[in-house]
Amino acid sequence: MKASARTISQGNIIKTTDREDEEHDRMQNRQGIRDDVLPFPDKKMDTIASTDADKTFLKSFSEFGAVNIVFDMEGVNYVTSGFLRLCVSAAGKVERGRFSVINTDPQIMKVYKIAGLDTVLNVS
């Protein structure tokens, strides 16, 4: 039986693991194999929030790397072009198809479609 899950936090990047998997995760992290979810606590990803998220993401990515990147948009109801730029930048740091935006509000999904990013990025 697996031990209870716990959360490992590195900046704003949150990864939930089972205690039995921690050693395995440490070995994978040394090899640059990661699957990170970046949640956004602000409901509005305006210019300031997007700039802060960009700095946090770049710092974490440069320190830890990633194979898969997931931006969790749950609760976010506004984005600026700065946030879209962050998405494109993050997607460029991993192999094609390994970047995703999840829990996207229908109104924000329209922004991705208007910008033509819904066909380039995995947005749901």
PDB file of N, CA and C in Angstrom:
ATOM      1  N   MET A   1       0.837  -1.174   0.000  1.00  0.00           N
ATOM      2  CA  MET A   1       0.000   0.000   0.000  1.00  0.00           C
ATOM      3  C   MET A   1       0.881   1.235   0.000  1.00  0.00           C
ATOM      4  N   LYS A   2       0.542   2.190  -0.824  1.00  0.00           N
ATOM      5  CA  LYS A   2       1.335   3.406  -0.941  1.00  0.00           C
ATOM      6  C   LYS A   2       1.077   4.338   0.230  1.00  0.00           C
ATOM      7  N   ALA A   3       2.130   5.063   0.602  1.00  0.00           N
ATOM      8  CA  ALA A   3       1.988   6.080   1.644  1.00  0.00           C
ATOM      9  C   ALA A   3       1.180   7.236   1.086  1.00  0.00           C
ATOM     10  N   SER A   4       0.719   8.071   1.976  1.00  0.00           N
ATOM     11  CA  SER A   4      -0.090   9.199   1.521  1.00  0.00           C
ATOM     12  C   SER A   4       0.726  10.137   0.646  1.00  0.00           C
ATOM     13  N   ALA A   5       0.038  10.813  -0.228  1.00  0.00           N
ATOM     14  CA  ALA A   5       0.701  11.738  -1.147  1.00  0.00           C
ATOM     15  C   ALA A   5       1.120  12.989  -0.401  1.00  0.00           C
ATOM     16  N   ARG A   6       2.168  13.610  -0.859  1.00  0.00           N
ATOM     17  CA  ARG A   6       2.582  14.891  -0.310  1.00  0.00           C
ATOM     18  C   ARG A   6       2.959  15.793  -1.467  1.00  0.00           C
ATOM     19  N   THR A   7       3.056  17.057  -1.189  1.00  0.00           N
ATOM     20  CA  THR A   7       3.340  18.018  -2.229  1.00  0.00           C
ATOM     21  C   THR A   7       4.755  18.554  -2.067  1.00  0.00           C
ATOM     22  N   ILE A   8       5.516  18.542  -3.141  1.00  0.00           N
ATOM     23  CA  ILE A   8       6.843  19.117  -3.163  1.00  0.00           C
ATOM     24  C   ILE A   8       6.711  20.431  -3.914  1.00  0.00           C
ATOM     25  N   SER A   9       7.140  21.509  -3.304  1.00  0.00           N
ATOM     26  CA  SER A   9       6.995  22.819  -3.925  1.00  0.00           C
ATOM     27  C   SER A   9       8.359  23.404  -4.223  1.00  0.00           C
ATOM     28  N   GLN A  10       8.542  23.869  -5.454  1.00  0.00           N
ATOM     29  CA  GLN A  10       9.761  24.548  -5.861  1.00  0.00           C
ATOM     30  C   GLN A  10       9.309  25.809  -6.562  1.00  0.00           C
ATOM     31  N   GLY A  11       9.349  26.935  -5.863  1.00  0.00           N
ATOM     32  CA  GLY A  11       8.791  28.161  -6.418  1.00  0.00           C
ATOM     33  C   GLY A  11       7.293  27.984  -6.542  1.00  0.00           C
ATOM     34  N   ASN A  12       6.737  28.289  -7.684  1.00  0.00           N
ATOM     35  CA  ASN A  12       5.312  28.095  -7.928  1.00  0.00           C
ATOM     36  C   ASN A  12       5.023  26.765  -8.592  1.00  0.00           C
ATOM     37  N   ILE A  13       6.055  25.977  -8.845  1.00  0.00           N
ATOM     38  CA  ILE A  13       5.830  24.691  -9.490  1.00  0.00           C
ATOM     39  C   ILE A  13       5.485  23.672  -8.416  1.00  0.00           C
ATOM     40  N   ILE A  14       4.377  23.018  -8.590  1.00  0.00           N
ATOM     41  CA  ILE A  14       3.887  22.063  -7.597  1.00  0.00           C
ATOM     42  C   ILE A  14       3.862  20.680  -8.229  1.00  0.00           C
ATOM     43  N   LYS A  15       4.406  19.712  -7.530  1.00  0.00           N
ATOM     44  CA  LYS A  15       4.355  18.348  -8.002  1.00  0.00           C
ATOM     45  C   LYS A  15       3.915  17.473  -6.849  1.00  0.00           C
ATOM     46  N   THR A  16       2.906  16.660  -7.051  1.00  0.00           N
ATOM     47  CA  THR A  16       2.432  15.769  -6.004  1.00  0.00           C
ATOM     48  C   THR A  16       2.993  14.384  -6.258  1.00  0.00           C
ATOM     49  N   THR A  17       3.577  13.791  -5.219  1.00  0.00           N
ATOM     50  CA  THR A  17       4.166  12.462  -5.364  1.00  0.00           C
ATOM     51  C   THR A  17       3.717  11.586  -4.217  1.00  0.00           C
ATOM     52  N   ASP A  18       3.821  10.289  -4.401  1.00  0.00           N
ATOM     53  CA  ASP A  18       3.664   9.342  -3.310  1.00  0.00           C
ATOM     54  C   ASP A  18       5.035   9.168  -2.685  1.00  0.00           C
ATOM     55  N   ARG A  19       5.075   8.973  -1.391  1.00  0.00           N
ATOM     56  CA  ARG A  19       6.355   8.880  -0.690  1.00  0.00           C
ATOM     57  C   ARG A  19       7.239   7.786  -1.280  1.00  0.00           C
ATOM     58  N   GLU A  20       6.658   6.673  -1.694  1.00  0.00           N
ATOM     59  CA  GLU A  20       7.445   5.593  -2.286  1.00  0.00           C
ATOM     60  C   GLU A  20       8.111   6.029  -3.581  1.00  0.00           C
ATOM     61  N   ASP A  21       7.517   7.000  -4.254  1.00  0.00           N
ATOM     62  CA  ASP A  21       8.043   7.428  -5.541  1.00  0.00           C
ATOM     63  C   ASP A  21       9.070   8.549  -5.427  1.00  0.00           C
ATOM     64  N   GLU A  22       9.322   9.048  -4.218  1.00  0.00           N
ATOM     65  CA  GLU A  22      10.212  10.194  -4.067  1.00  0.00           C
ATOM     66  C   GLU A  22      11.622   9.900  -4.563  1.00  0.00           C
ATOM     67  N   GLU A  23      12.182   8.741  -4.194  1.00  0.00           N
ATOM     68  CA  GLU A  23      13.539   8.414  -4.636  1.00  0.00           C
ATOM     69  C   GLU A  23      13.579   8.283  -6.153  1.00  0.00           C
ATOM     70  N   HIS A  24      12.560   7.646  -6.712  1.00  0.00           N
ATOM     71  CA  HIS A  24      12.466   7.528  -8.166  1.00  0.00           C
ATOM     72  C   HIS A  24      12.412   8.910  -8.806  1.00  0.00           C
ATOM     73  N   ASP A  25      11.608   9.815  -8.221  1.00  0.00           N
ATOM     74  CA  ASP A  25      11.496  11.179  -8.738  1.00  0.00           C
ATOM     75  C   ASP A  25      12.827  11.912  -8.646  1.00  0.00           C
ATOM     76  N   ARG A  26      13.550  11.723  -7.525  1.00  0.00           N
ATOM     77  CA  ARG A  26      14.848  12.390  -7.389  1.00  0.00           C
ATOM     78  C   ARG A  26      15.802  11.929  -8.484  1.00  0.00           C
ATOM     79  N   MET A  27      15.793  10.637  -8.773  1.00  0.00           N
ATOM     80  CA  MET A  27      16.658  10.125  -9.839  1.00  0.00           C
ATOM     81  C   MET A  27      16.245  10.707 -11.185  1.00  0.00           C
ATOM     82  N   GLN A  28      14.938  10.762 -11.451  1.00  0.00           N
ATOM     83  CA  GLN A  28      14.471  11.325 -12.712  1.00  0.00           C
ATOM     84  C   GLN A  28      14.816  12.801 -12.798  1.00  0.00           C
ATOM     85  N   ASN A  29      14.676  13.539 -11.696  1.00  0.00           N
ATOM     86  CA  ASN A  29      14.983  14.965 -11.707  1.00  0.00           C
ATOM     87  C   ASN A  29      16.440  15.202 -12.035  1.00  0.00           C
ATOM     88  N   ARG A  30      17.322  14.346 -11.554  1.00  0.00           N
ATOM     89  CA  ARG A  30      18.745  14.485 -11.883  1.00  0.00           C
ATOM     90  C   ARG A  30      18.972  14.295 -13.380  1.00  0.00           C
ATOM     91  N   GLN A  31      18.121  13.511 -14.000  1.00  0.00           N
ATOM     92  CA  GLN A  31      18.245  13.266 -15.431  1.00  0.00           C
ATOM     93  C   GLN A  31      17.427  14.248 -16.252  1.00  0.00           C
ATOM     94  N   GLY A  32      16.767  15.192 -15.601  1.00  0.00           N
ATOM     95  CA  GLY A  32      15.984  16.194 -16.308  1.00  0.00           C
ATOM     96  C   GLY A  32      14.619  15.701 -16.759  1.00  0.00           C
ATOM     97  N   ILE A  33      14.145  14.597 -16.185  1.00  0.00           N
ATOM     98  CA  ILE A  33      12.842  14.057 -16.571  1.00  0.00           C
ATOM     99  C   ILE A  33      11.823  14.519 -15.548  1.00  0.00           C
ATOM    100  N   ARG A  34      10.956  15.445 -15.946  1.00  0.00           N
ATOM    101  CA  ARG A  34       9.982  16.012 -15.019  1.00  0.00           C
ATOM    102  C   ARG A  34       8.663  16.238 -15.735  1.00  0.00           C
ATOM    103  N   ASP A  35       7.631  16.273 -14.954  1.00  0.00           N
ATOM    104  CA  ASP A  35       6.304  16.619 -15.443  1.00  0.00           C
ATOM    105  C   ASP A  35       5.754  17.617 -14.444  1.00  0.00           C
ATOM    106  N   ASP A  36       5.830  18.898 -14.770  1.00  0.00           N
ATOM    107  CA  ASP A  36       5.486  19.944 -13.825  1.00  0.00           C
ATOM    108  C   ASP A  36       4.168  20.612 -14.174  1.00  0.00           C
ATOM    109  N   VAL A  37       3.429  20.960 -13.126  1.00  0.00           N
ATOM    110  CA  VAL A  37       2.183  21.693 -13.263  1.00  0.00           C
ATOM    111  C   VAL A  37       2.389  23.046 -12.605  1.00  0.00           C
ATOM    112  N   LEU A  38       2.148  24.104 -13.346  1.00  0.00           N
ATOM    113  CA  LEU A  38       2.288  25.450 -12.815  1.00  0.00           C
ATOM    114  C   LEU A  38       0.894  26.043 -12.636  1.00  0.00           C
ATOM    115  N   PRO A  39       0.414  26.122 -11.386  1.00  0.00           N
ATOM    116  CA  PRO A  39      -0.888  26.737 -11.148  1.00  0.00           C
ATOM    117  C   PRO A  39      -0.746  28.258 -11.075  1.00  0.00           C
ATOM    118  N   PHE A  40      -1.793  28.957 -11.368  1.00  0.00           N
ATOM    119  CA  PHE A  40      -1.782  30.416 -11.333  1.00  0.00           C
ATOM    120  C   PHE A  40      -2.797  30.874 -10.301  1.00  0.00           C
ATOM    121  N   PRO A  41      -2.325  31.379  -9.155  1.00  0.00           N
ATOM    122  CA  PRO A  41      -3.242  31.751  -8.078  1.00  0.00           C
ATOM    123  C   PRO A  41      -4.053  33.017  -8.367  1.00  0.00           C
ATOM    124  N   ASP A  42      -3.588  33.844  -9.300  1.00  0.00           N
ATOM    125  CA  ASP A  42      -4.310  35.067  -9.640  1.00  0.00           C
ATOM    126  C   ASP A  42      -5.426  34.755 -10.619  1.00  0.00           C
ATOM    127  N   LYS A  43      -6.608  35.337 -10.401  1.00  0.00           N
ATOM    128  CA  LYS A  43      -7.711  35.146 -11.341  1.00  0.00           C
ATOM    129  C   LYS A  43      -7.465  35.895 -12.634  1.00  0.00           C
ATOM    130  N   LYS A  44      -6.676  36.955 -12.553  1.00  0.00           N
ATOM    131  CA  LYS A  44      -6.362  37.745 -13.738  1.00  0.00           C
ATOM    132  C   LYS A  44      -4.870  37.679 -13.999  1.00  0.00           C
ATOM    133  N   MET A  45      -4.512  37.152 -15.148  1.00  0.00           N
ATOM    134  CA  MET A  45      -3.110  37.114 -15.543  1.00  0.00           C
ATOM    135  C   MET A  45      -2.839  38.376 -16.357  1.00  0.00           C
ATOM    136  N   ASP A  46      -2.852  39.496 -15.638  1.00  0.00           N
ATOM    137  CA  ASP A  46      -2.579  40.783 -16.276  1.00  0.00           C
ATOM    138  C   ASP A  46      -1.069  40.921 -16.492  1.00  0.00           C
ATOM    139  N   THR A  47      -0.628  42.104 -16.894  1.00  0.00           N
ATOM    140  CA  THR A  47       0.778  42.307 -17.211  1.00  0.00           C
ATOM    141  C   THR A  47       1.678  42.002 -16.020  1.00  0.00           C
ATOM    142  N   ILE A  48       1.311  42.475 -14.845  1.00  0.00           N
ATOM    143  CA  ILE A  48       2.152  42.259 -13.657  1.00  0.00           C
ATOM    144  C   ILE A  48       2.180  40.779 -13.278  1.00  0.00           C
ATOM    145  N   ALA A  49       1.009  40.144 -13.212  1.00  0.00           N
ATOM    146  CA  ALA A  49       0.952  38.722 -12.842  1.00  0.00           C
ATOM    147  C   ALA A  49       1.665  37.856 -13.882  1.00  0.00           C
ATOM    148  N   SER A  50       1.528  38.205 -15.154  1.00  0.00           N
ATOM    149  CA  SER A  50       2.196  37.447 -16.212  1.00  0.00           C
ATOM    150  C   SER A  50       3.708  37.588 -16.127  1.00  0.00           C
ATOM    151  N   THR A  51       4.174  38.801 -15.830  1.00  0.00           N
ATOM    152  CA  THR A  51       5.611  39.035 -15.688  1.00  0.00           C
ATOM    153  C   THR A  51       6.160  38.248 -14.507  1.00  0.00           C
ATOM    154  N   ASP A  52       5.437  38.251 -13.380  1.00  0.00           N
ATOM    155  CA  ASP A  52       5.858  37.479 -12.209  1.00  0.00           C
ATOM    156  C   ASP A  52       5.880  35.982 -12.516  1.00  0.00           C
ATOM    157  N   ALA A  53       4.847  35.491 -13.185  1.00  0.00           N
ATOM    158  CA  ALA A  53       4.783  34.072 -13.546  1.00  0.00           C
ATOM    159  C   ALA A  53       5.928  33.712 -14.493  1.00  0.00           C
ATOM    160  N   ASP A  54       6.236  34.596 -15.424  1.00  0.00           N
ATOM    161  CA  ASP A  54       7.327  34.368 -16.370  1.00  0.00           C
ATOM    162  C   ASP A  54       8.654  34.227 -15.624  1.00  0.00           C
ATOM    163  N   LYS A  55       8.914  35.125 -14.692  1.00  0.00           N
ATOM    164  CA  LYS A  55      10.154  35.064 -13.907  1.00  0.00           C
ATOM    165  C   LYS A  55      10.227  33.772 -13.100  1.00  0.00           C
ATOM    166  N   THR A  56       9.118  33.407 -12.458  1.00  0.00           N
ATOM    167  CA  THR A  56       9.072  32.183 -11.657  1.00  0.00           C
ATOM    168  C   THR A  56       9.300  30.960 -12.533  1.00  0.00           C
ATOM    169  N   PHE A  57       8.620  30.927 -13.671  1.00  0.00           N
ATOM    170  CA  PHE A  57       8.761  29.789 -14.578  1.00  0.00           C
ATOM    171  C   PHE A  57      10.199  29.675 -15.077  1.00  0.00           C
ATOM    172  N   LEU A  58      10.779  30.764 -15.557  1.00  0.00           N
ATOM    173  CA  LEU A  58      12.134  30.727 -16.103  1.00  0.00           C
ATOM    174  C   LEU A  58      13.151  30.304 -15.046  1.00  0.00           C
ATOM    175  N   LYS A  59      12.989  30.800 -13.817  1.00  0.00           N
ATOM    176  CA  LYS A  59      13.904  30.426 -12.733  1.00  0.00           C
ATOM    177  C   LYS A  59      13.794  28.931 -12.448  1.00  0.00           C
ATOM    178  N   SER A  60      12.577  28.437 -12.298  1.00  0.00           N
ATOM    179  CA  SER A  60      12.370  27.018 -12.018  1.00  0.00           C
ATOM    180  C   SER A  60      12.849  26.153 -13.171  1.00  0.00           C
ATOM    181  N   PHE A  61      12.553  26.569 -14.392  1.00  0.00           N
ATOM    182  CA  PHE A  61      12.957  25.775 -15.548  1.00  0.00           C
ATOM    183  C   PHE A  61      14.473  25.716 -15.653  1.00  0.00           C
ATOM    184  N   SER A  62      15.149  26.842 -15.429  1.00  0.00           N
ATOM    185  CA  SER A  62      16.608  26.843 -15.540  1.00  0.00           C
ATOM    186  C   SER A  62      17.245  25.999 -14.442  1.00  0.00           C
ATOM    187  N   GLU A  63      16.607  25.923 -13.263  1.00  0.00           N
ATOM    188  CA  GLU A  63      17.145  25.128 -12.168  1.00  0.00           C
ATOM    189  C   GLU A  63      16.851  23.643 -12.315  1.00  0.00           C
ATOM    190  N   PHE A  64      15.647  23.308 -12.750  1.00  0.00           N
ATOM    191  CA  PHE A  64      15.209  21.926 -12.709  1.00  0.00           C
ATOM    192  C   PHE A  64      14.929  21.290 -14.064  1.00  0.00           C
ATOM    193  N   GLY A  65      14.710  22.078 -15.100  1.00  0.00           N
ATOM    194  CA  GLY A  65      14.355  21.528 -16.399  1.00  0.00           C
ATOM    195  C   GLY A  65      12.974  20.896 -16.378  1.00  0.00           C
ATOM    196  N   ALA A  66      12.539  20.387 -17.497  1.00  0.00           N
ATOM    197  CA  ALA A  66      11.242  19.712 -17.581  1.00  0.00           C
ATOM    198  C   ALA A  66      11.130  18.982 -18.904  1.00  0.00           C
ATOM    199  N   VAL A  67      10.357  17.923 -18.903  1.00  0.00           N
ATOM    200  CA  VAL A  67      10.039  17.221 -20.137  1.00  0.00           C
ATOM    201  C   VAL A  67       8.634  17.605 -20.570  1.00  0.00           C
ATOM    202  N   ASN A  68       7.721  17.667 -19.601  1.00  0.00           N
ATOM    203  CA  ASN A  68       6.339  18.071 -19.842  1.00  0.00           C
ATOM    204  C   ASN A  68       6.034  19.280 -18.967  1.00  0.00           C
ATOM    205  N   ILE A  69       5.359  20.263 -19.532  1.00  0.00           N
ATOM    206  CA  ILE A  69       4.956  21.439 -18.770  1.00  0.00           C
ATOM    207  C   ILE A  69       3.445  21.596 -18.918  1.00  0.00           C
ATOM    208  N   VAL A  70       2.765  21.790 -17.789  1.00  0.00           N
ATOM    209  CA  VAL A  70       1.318  21.963 -17.782  1.00  0.00           C
ATOM    210  C   VAL A  70       0.994  23.243 -17.019  1.00  0.00           C
ATOM    211  N   PHE A  71       0.292  24.162 -17.668  1.00  0.00           N
ATOM    212  CA  PHE A  71      -0.196  25.371 -17.014  1.00  0.00           C
ATOM    213  C   PHE A  71      -1.649  25.120 -16.630  1.00  0.00           C
ATOM    214  N   ASP A  72      -1.939  25.145 -15.321  1.00  0.00           N
ATOM    215  CA  ASP A  72      -3.293  24.909 -14.833  1.00  0.00           C
ATOM    216  C   ASP A  72      -3.986  26.258 -14.678  1.00  0.00           C
ATOM    217  N   MET A  73      -5.010  26.495 -15.501  1.00  0.00           N
ATOM    218  CA  MET A  73      -5.697  27.782 -15.540  1.00  0.00           C
ATOM    219  C   MET A  73      -6.984  27.802 -14.710  1.00  0.00           C
ATOM    220  N   GLU A  74      -7.161  26.826 -13.834  1.00  0.00           N
ATOM    221  CA  GLU A  74      -8.381  26.775 -13.032  1.00  0.00           C
ATOM    222  C   GLU A  74      -8.558  28.071 -12.252  1.00  0.00           C
ATOM    223  N   GLY A  75      -9.703  28.709 -12.413  1.00  0.00           N
ATOM    224  CA  GLY A  75     -10.018  29.941 -11.714  1.00  0.00           C
ATOM    225  C   GLY A  75      -9.550  31.210 -12.408  1.00  0.00           C
ATOM    226  N   VAL A  76      -8.716  31.077 -13.437  1.00  0.00           N
ATOM    227  CA  VAL A  76      -8.225  32.256 -14.157  1.00  0.00           C
ATOM    228  C   VAL A  76      -9.274  32.673 -15.171  1.00  0.00           C
ATOM    229  N   ASN A  77      -9.654  33.963 -15.149  1.00  0.00           N
ATOM    230  CA  ASN A  77     -10.695  34.423 -16.071  1.00  0.00           C
ATOM    231  C   ASN A  77     -10.257  35.592 -16.949  1.00  0.00           C
ATOM    232  N   TYR A  78      -8.951  35.900 -16.952  1.00  0.00           N
ATOM    233  CA  TYR A  78      -8.457  37.007 -17.773  1.00  0.00           C
ATOM    234  C   TYR A  78      -6.975  36.776 -18.067  1.00  0.00           C
ATOM    235  N   VAL A  79      -6.586  36.947 -19.318  1.00  0.00           N
ATOM    236  CA  VAL A  79      -5.174  36.858 -19.693  1.00  0.00           C
ATOM    237  C   VAL A  79      -4.825  38.019 -20.623  1.00  0.00           C
ATOM    238  N   THR A  80      -3.561  38.423 -20.579  1.00  0.00           N
ATOM    239  CA  THR A  80      -3.063  39.453 -21.492  1.00  0.00           C
ATOM    240  C   THR A  80      -2.133  38.807 -22.506  1.00  0.00           C
ATOM    241  N   SER A  81      -1.698  39.598 -23.446  1.00  0.00           N
ATOM    242  CA  SER A  81      -0.763  39.092 -24.448  1.00  0.00           C
ATOM    243  C   SER A  81       0.547  38.641 -23.797  1.00  0.00           C
ATOM    244  N   GLY A  82       0.900  39.233 -22.661  1.00  0.00           N
ATOM    245  CA  GLY A  82       2.102  38.813 -21.947  1.00  0.00           C
ATOM    246  C   GLY A  82       2.005  37.368 -21.493  1.00  0.00           C
ATOM    247  N   PHE A  83       0.808  36.954 -21.093  1.00  0.00           N
ATOM    248  CA  PHE A  83       0.629  35.567 -20.688  1.00  0.00           C
ATOM    249  C   PHE A  83       0.690  34.640 -21.896  1.00  0.00           C
ATOM    250  N   LEU A  84       0.115  35.071 -23.006  1.00  0.00           N
ATOM    251  CA  LEU A  84       0.196  34.254 -24.224  1.00  0.00           C
ATOM    252  C   LEU A  84       1.659  34.094 -24.652  1.00  0.00           C
ATOM    253  N   ARG A  85       2.437  35.154 -24.501  1.00  0.00           N
ATOM    254  CA  ARG A  85       3.874  35.096 -24.819  1.00  0.00           C
ATOM    255  C   ARG A  85       4.563  34.080 -23.917  1.00  0.00           C
ATOM    256  N   LEU A  86       4.195  34.049 -22.614  1.00  0.00           N
ATOM    257  CA  LEU A  86       4.751  33.068 -21.693  1.00  0.00           C
ATOM    258  C   LEU A  86       4.432  31.650 -22.151  1.00  0.00           C
ATOM    259  N   CYS A  87       3.212  31.424 -22.606  1.00  0.00           N
ATOM    260  CA  CYS A  87       2.815  30.097 -23.095  1.00  0.00           C
ATOM    261  C   CYS A  87       3.670  29.674 -24.285  1.00  0.00           C
ATOM    262  N   VAL A  88       3.854  30.580 -25.230  1.00  0.00           N
ATOM    263  CA  VAL A  88       4.652  30.266 -26.416  1.00  0.00           C
ATOM    264  C   VAL A  88       6.107  30.018 -26.018  1.00  0.00           C
ATOM    265  N   SER A  89       6.616  30.832 -25.108  1.00  0.00           N
ATOM    266  CA  SER A  89       7.989  30.662 -24.628  1.00  0.00           C
ATOM    267  C   SER A  89       8.165  29.316 -23.932  1.00  0.00           C
ATOM    268  N   ALA A  90       7.229  28.962 -23.051  1.00  0.00           N
ATOM    269  CA  ALA A  90       7.300  27.687 -22.332  1.00  0.00           C
ATOM    270  C   ALA A  90       7.207  26.510 -23.295  1.00  0.00           C
ATOM    271  N   ALA A  91       6.312  26.605 -24.265  1.00  0.00           N
ATOM    272  CA  ALA A  91       6.153  25.527 -25.242  1.00  0.00           C
ATOM    273  C   ALA A  91       7.432  25.325 -26.042  1.00  0.00           C
ATOM    274  N   GLY A  92       8.166  26.398 -26.271  1.00  0.00           N
ATOM    275  CA  GLY A  92       9.412  26.300 -27.021  1.00  0.00           C
ATOM    276  C   GLY A  92      10.547  25.644 -26.256  1.00  0.00           C
ATOM    277  N   LYS A  93      10.386  25.473 -24.966  1.00  0.00           N
ATOM    278  CA  LYS A  93      11.434  24.890 -24.137  1.00  0.00           C
ATOM    279  C   LYS A  93      11.350  23.368 -24.035  1.00  0.00           C
ATOM    280  N   VAL A  94      10.242  22.804 -24.504  1.00  0.00           N
ATOM    281  CA  VAL A  94      10.078  21.349 -24.471  1.00  0.00           C
ATOM    282  C   VAL A  94       9.735  20.862 -25.877  1.00  0.00           C
ATOM    283  N   GLU A  95       9.789  19.550 -26.064  1.00  0.00           N
ATOM    284  CA  GLU A  95       9.454  18.982 -27.370  1.00  0.00           C
ATOM    285  C   GLU A  95       8.009  19.290 -27.733  1.00  0.00           C
ATOM    286  N   ARG A  96       7.745  19.359 -29.035  1.00  0.00           N
ATOM    287  CA  ARG A  96       6.387  19.631 -29.516  1.00  0.00           C
ATOM    288  C   ARG A  96       5.405  18.625 -28.922  1.00  0.00           C
ATOM    289  N   GLY A  97       4.278  19.136 -28.418  1.00  0.00           N
ATOM    290  CA  GLY A  97       3.248  18.285 -27.834  1.00  0.00           C
ATOM    291  C   GLY A  97       3.429  18.037 -26.346  1.00  0.00           C
ATOM    292  N   ARG A  98       4.498  18.539 -25.760  1.00  0.00           N
ATOM    293  CA  ARG A  98       4.770  18.296 -24.338  1.00  0.00           C
ATOM    294  C   ARG A  98       4.412  19.486 -23.451  1.00  0.00           C
ATOM    295  N   PHE A  99       3.765  20.486 -24.030  1.00  0.00           N
ATOM    296  CA  PHE A  99       3.276  21.635 -23.271  1.00  0.00           C
ATOM    297  C   PHE A  99       1.758  21.645 -23.360  1.00  0.00           C
ATOM    298  N   SER A 100       1.096  21.875 -22.220  1.00  0.00           N
ATOM    299  CA  SER A 100      -0.370  21.913 -22.204  1.00  0.00           C
ATOM    300  C   SER A 100      -0.873  23.033 -21.306  1.00  0.00           C
ATOM    301  N   VAL A 101      -2.034  23.543 -21.665  1.00  0.00           N
ATOM    302  CA  VAL A 101      -2.771  24.481 -20.825  1.00  0.00           C
ATOM    303  C   VAL A 101      -4.085  23.776 -20.508  1.00  0.00           C
ATOM    304  N   ILE A 102      -4.362  23.589 -19.212  1.00  0.00           N
ATOM    305  CA  ILE A 102      -5.562  22.835 -18.820  1.00  0.00           C
ATOM    306  C   ILE A 102      -6.508  23.711 -18.007  1.00  0.00           C
ATOM    307  N   ASN A 103      -7.744  23.248 -17.883  1.00  0.00           N
ATOM    308  CA  ASN A 103      -8.796  23.924 -17.103  1.00  0.00           C
ATOM    309  C   ASN A 103      -9.008  25.364 -17.572  1.00  0.00           C
ATOM    310  N   THR A 104      -9.008  25.540 -18.870  1.00  0.00           N
ATOM    311  CA  THR A 104      -9.135  26.871 -19.459  1.00  0.00           C
ATOM    312  C   THR A 104     -10.590  27.314 -19.503  1.00  0.00           C
ATOM    313  N   ASP A 105     -10.853  28.503 -19.009  1.00  0.00           N
ATOM    314  CA  ASP A 105     -12.181  29.108 -19.054  1.00  0.00           C
ATOM    315  C   ASP A 105     -12.600  29.262 -20.518  1.00  0.00           C
ATOM    316  N   PRO A 106     -13.886  29.058 -20.849  1.00  0.00           N
ATOM    317  CA  PRO A 106     -14.335  29.183 -22.243  1.00  0.00           C
ATOM    318  C   PRO A 106     -14.012  30.545 -22.867  1.00  0.00           C
ATOM    319  N   GLN A 107     -14.089  31.608 -22.090  1.00  0.00           N
ATOM    320  CA  GLN A 107     -13.770  32.934 -22.634  1.00  0.00           C
ATOM    321  C   GLN A 107     -12.283  33.051 -22.966  1.00  0.00           C
ATOM    322  N   ILE A 108     -11.442  32.449 -22.150  1.00  0.00           N
ATOM    323  CA  ILE A 108     -10.000  32.471 -22.420  1.00  0.00           C
ATOM    324  C   ILE A 108      -9.678  31.560 -23.598  1.00  0.00           C
ATOM    325  N   MET A 109     -10.415  30.476 -23.738  1.00  0.00           N
ATOM    326  CA  MET A 109     -10.222  29.588 -24.888  1.00  0.00           C
ATOM    327  C   MET A 109     -10.430  30.364 -26.183  1.00  0.00           C
ATOM    328  N   LYS A 110     -11.390  31.292 -26.186  1.00  0.00           N
ATOM    329  CA  LYS A 110     -11.626  32.135 -27.365  1.00  0.00           C
ATOM    330  C   LYS A 110     -10.397  32.983 -27.686  1.00  0.00           C
ATOM    331  N   VAL A 111      -9.705  33.462 -26.643  1.00  0.00           N
ATOM    332  CA  VAL A 111      -8.493  34.265 -26.854  1.00  0.00           C
ATOM    333  C   VAL A 111      -7.427  33.421 -27.547  1.00  0.00           C
ATOM    334  N   TYR A 112      -7.242  32.188 -27.088  1.00  0.00           N
ATOM    335  CA  TYR A 112      -6.278  31.287 -27.737  1.00  0.00           C
ATOM    336  C   TYR A 112      -6.663  31.047 -29.199  1.00  0.00           C
ATOM    337  N   LYS A 113      -7.959  30.870 -29.457  1.00  0.00           N
ATOM    338  CA  LYS A 113      -8.411  30.636 -30.831  1.00  0.00           C
ATOM    339  C   LYS A 113      -8.193  31.858 -31.708  1.00  0.00           C
ATOM    340  N   ILE A 114      -8.529  33.036 -31.202  1.00  0.00           N
ATOM    341  CA  ILE A 114      -8.343  34.272 -31.976  1.00  0.00           C
ATOM    342  C   ILE A 114      -6.865  34.484 -32.302  1.00  0.00           C
ATOM    343  N   ALA A 115      -5.994  34.157 -31.324  1.00  0.00           N
ATOM    344  CA  ALA A 115      -4.552  34.323 -31.535  1.00  0.00           C
ATOM    345  C   ALA A 115      -3.967  33.196 -32.388  1.00  0.00           C
ATOM    346  N   GLY A 116      -4.765  32.174 -32.694  1.00  0.00           N
ATOM    347  CA  GLY A 116      -4.286  31.062 -33.500  1.00  0.00           C
ATOM    348  C   GLY A 116      -3.423  30.071 -32.709  1.00  0.00           C
ATOM    349  N   LEU A 117      -3.436  30.181 -31.390  1.00  0.00           N
ATOM    350  CA  LEU A 117      -2.600  29.327 -30.570  1.00  0.00           C
ATOM    351  C   LEU A 117      -3.254  27.998 -30.218  1.00  0.00           C
ATOM    352  N   ASP A 118      -4.563  27.894 -30.424  1.00  0.00           N
ATOM    353  CA  ASP A 118      -5.256  26.642 -30.124  1.00  0.00           C
ATOM    354  C   ASP A 118      -4.802  25.506 -31.032  1.00  0.00           C
ATOM    355  N   THR A 119      -4.257  25.837 -32.191  1.00  0.00           N
ATOM    356  CA  THR A 119      -3.783  24.798 -33.109  1.00  0.00           C
ATOM    357  C   THR A 119      -2.311  24.478 -32.893  1.00  0.00           C
ATOM    358  N   VAL A 120      -1.606  25.347 -32.178  1.00  0.00           N
ATOM    359  CA  VAL A 120      -0.171  25.169 -31.947  1.00  0.00           C
ATOM    360  C   VAL A 120       0.097  24.582 -30.564  1.00  0.00           C
ATOM    361  N   LEU A 121      -0.705  24.968 -29.586  1.00  0.00           N
ATOM    362  CA  LEU A 121      -0.538  24.519 -28.205  1.00  0.00           C
ATOM    363  C   LEU A 121      -1.665  23.569 -27.838  1.00  0.00           C
ATOM    364  N   ASN A 122      -1.402  22.684 -26.871  1.00  0.00           N
ATOM    365  CA  ASN A 122      -2.446  21.806 -26.343  1.00  0.00           C
ATOM    366  C   ASN A 122      -3.244  22.598 -25.311  1.00  0.00           C
ATOM    367  N   VAL A 123      -4.416  23.085 -25.685  1.00  0.00           N
ATOM    368  CA  VAL A 123      -5.225  23.902 -24.791  1.00  0.00           C
ATOM    369  C   VAL A 123      -6.564  23.209 -24.579  1.00  0.00           C
ATOM    370  N   SER A 124      -6.919  23.015 -23.309  1.00  0.00           N
ATOM    371  CA  SER A 124      -8.219  22.403 -23.000  1.00  0.00           C
ATOM    372  C   SER A 124      -8.807  23.028 -21.751  1.00  0.00           C
TER     373      SER A 124
END
